[in-house]
Amino acid sequence: MPDDATETTLTQPTESTETAAVASDTEVSAPQLGARKNARKIREGLVSSVAMDKTAIVISTDRVRHRRYNKTVQRNTRLYVHDETNQLSVGDRVRVQETRPLSKTKRWRLVEIVERAR
């Protein structure tokens, strides 16, 4: 009987080692590279108009599968983007991020210019 008791104590890890292992896992996984800080949407698209002051219209194209016919369909969305310095020009490929409402229709802000128009 004493042999069985010794075996059970050796095979069962103590709680302190379990919590230490869990704590080390959370420390390693917390500062992951590429993890977004918030859940705001990020889109990429082409600038189609810069006629307004500090505002640009970006066309974002999404490819979705049709529910009935299972064919891939392209859907375009017009995003009104805040451009503080009026640096965008028609044809630029940009990355935009969702933000609080800035005007009646403007809900996106410029993150970066991926590619300039030629």
Protein backbone atom coordinates (compact mmCIF):
# COMPACT_ATOMS: atom_id res chain seq x y z
CA MET A 1 0.00 0.00 0.00
CA PRO A 2 2.70 2.59 0.72
CA ASP A 3 4.15 2.02 -2.75
CA ASP A 4 0.85 3.06 -4.39
CA ALA A 5 0.70 6.26 -2.35
CA THR A 6 4.23 7.15 -3.38
CA GLU A 7 3.46 6.59 -7.05
CA THR A 8 0.38 8.83 -6.97
CA THR A 9 2.28 11.69 -5.38
CA LEU A 10 5.02 11.42 -7.99
CA THR A 11 2.69 11.31 -10.99
CA GLN A 12 0.38 14.16 -9.97
CA PRO A 13 1.91 17.60 -10.51
CA THR A 14 1.49 20.14 -7.78
CA GLU A 15 -0.74 23.19 -8.26
CA SER A 16 2.18 25.61 -8.12
CA THR A 17 3.81 24.06 -11.21
CA GLU A 18 0.51 24.13 -13.11
CA THR A 19 -0.07 27.81 -12.36
CA ALA A 20 3.54 28.61 -13.23
CA ALA A 21 3.14 26.87 -16.58
CA VAL A 22 -0.10 28.74 -17.29
CA ALA A 23 1.44 32.08 -16.29
CA SER A 24 4.42 31.53 -18.58
CA ASP A 25 2.10 30.65 -21.49
CA THR A 26 0.13 33.87 -21.09
CA GLU A 27 3.30 35.96 -20.91
CA VAL A 28 4.62 34.46 -24.13
CA SER A 29 1.36 34.74 -26.08
CA ALA A 30 0.44 38.27 -24.98
CA PRO A 31 2.95 40.37 -27.00
CA GLN A 32 2.35 38.68 -30.34
CA LEU A 33 3.51 40.52 -33.40
CA GLY A 34 0.76 41.52 -35.80
CA ALA A 35 -2.04 41.34 -33.22
CA ARG A 36 -4.47 44.23 -33.59
CA LYS A 37 -5.08 46.37 -30.54
CA ASN A 38 -8.72 46.96 -31.38
CA ALA A 39 -11.49 45.39 -33.41
CA ARG A 40 -11.85 48.24 -35.92
CA LYS A 41 -12.13 47.14 -39.52
CA ILE A 42 -9.29 47.76 -41.96
CA ARG A 43 -9.99 47.90 -45.70
CA GLU A 44 -7.90 48.46 -48.78
CA GLY A 45 -9.10 50.17 -51.94
CA LEU A 46 -8.57 52.64 -54.76
CA VAL A 47 -9.16 56.39 -54.47
CA SER A 48 -11.85 57.41 -56.95
CA SER A 49 -12.50 61.05 -56.00
CA VAL A 50 -10.70 63.83 -54.14
CA ALA A 51 -13.05 66.72 -55.01
CA MET A 52 -13.93 67.49 -51.37
CA ASP A 53 -11.70 69.22 -48.84
CA LYS A 54 -10.01 66.75 -46.42
CA THR A 55 -12.19 63.91 -47.76
CA ALA A 56 -11.57 61.25 -50.37
CA ILE A 57 -13.84 58.52 -51.73
CA VAL A 58 -12.26 55.08 -51.76
CA ILE A 59 -13.76 52.15 -53.66
CA SER A 60 -13.27 48.92 -51.71
CA THR A 61 -13.93 45.72 -53.68
CA ASP A 62 -15.02 42.57 -51.85
CA ARG A 63 -15.26 39.17 -53.49
CA VAL A 64 -18.14 37.14 -52.06
CA ARG A 65 -19.79 33.90 -53.07
CA HIS A 66 -23.37 34.14 -54.33
CA ARG A 67 -25.72 32.29 -51.97
CA ARG A 68 -27.75 30.50 -54.62
CA TYR A 69 -25.44 30.15 -57.62
CA ASN A 70 -22.12 29.77 -55.74
CA LYS A 71 -20.42 32.05 -58.24
CA THR A 72 -17.87 34.56 -57.02
CA VAL A 73 -19.27 38.11 -57.28
CA GLN A 74 -17.46 41.40 -56.81
CA ARG A 75 -19.18 44.01 -54.65
CA ASN A 76 -17.97 47.61 -54.52
CA THR A 77 -18.36 49.83 -51.46
CA ARG A 78 -17.81 53.58 -51.41
CA LEU A 79 -15.95 54.62 -48.27
CA TYR A 80 -15.68 58.29 -47.32
CA VAL A 81 -12.18 58.71 -45.90
CA HIS A 82 -10.73 61.53 -43.80
CA ASP A 83 -7.55 62.88 -45.45
CA GLU A 84 -6.26 65.66 -43.18
CA THR A 85 -3.47 66.92 -45.47
CA ASN A 86 -5.20 66.37 -48.85
CA GLN A 87 -2.27 64.17 -49.93
CA LEU A 88 -4.33 61.60 -51.85
CA SER A 89 -4.83 61.63 -55.60
CA VAL A 90 -7.14 59.63 -57.85
CA GLY A 91 -5.82 56.13 -58.47
CA ASP A 92 -3.85 55.72 -55.23
CA ARG A 93 -4.16 52.37 -53.47
CA VAL A 94 -4.73 53.08 -49.76
CA ARG A 95 -5.41 51.29 -46.48
CA VAL A 96 -8.16 52.80 -44.31
CA GLN A 97 -9.45 52.09 -40.82
CA GLU A 98 -12.89 52.43 -39.30
CA THR A 99 -13.28 55.31 -36.86
CA ARG A 100 -15.93 57.29 -35.02
CA PRO A 101 -18.36 59.33 -37.14
CA LEU A 102 -16.53 62.43 -38.40
CA SER A 103 -19.44 63.80 -40.43
CA LYS A 104 -22.77 62.65 -41.82
CA THR A 105 -21.17 60.04 -44.09
CA LYS A 106 -17.47 59.97 -43.16
CA ARG A 107 -16.56 56.99 -40.93
CA TRP A 108 -13.07 56.02 -42.12
CA ARG A 109 -9.57 57.46 -41.69
CA LEU A 110 -6.44 57.08 -43.77
CA VAL A 111 -3.88 54.65 -42.34
CA GLU A 112 -1.31 54.50 -45.14
CA ILE A 113 -0.81 54.92 -48.85
CA VAL A 114 0.11 51.49 -50.17
CA GLU A 115 0.85 52.55 -53.75
CA ARG A 116 0.83 55.90 -55.53
CA ALA A 117 -0.97 56.34 -58.85
CA ARG A 118 1.26 56.36 -61.94
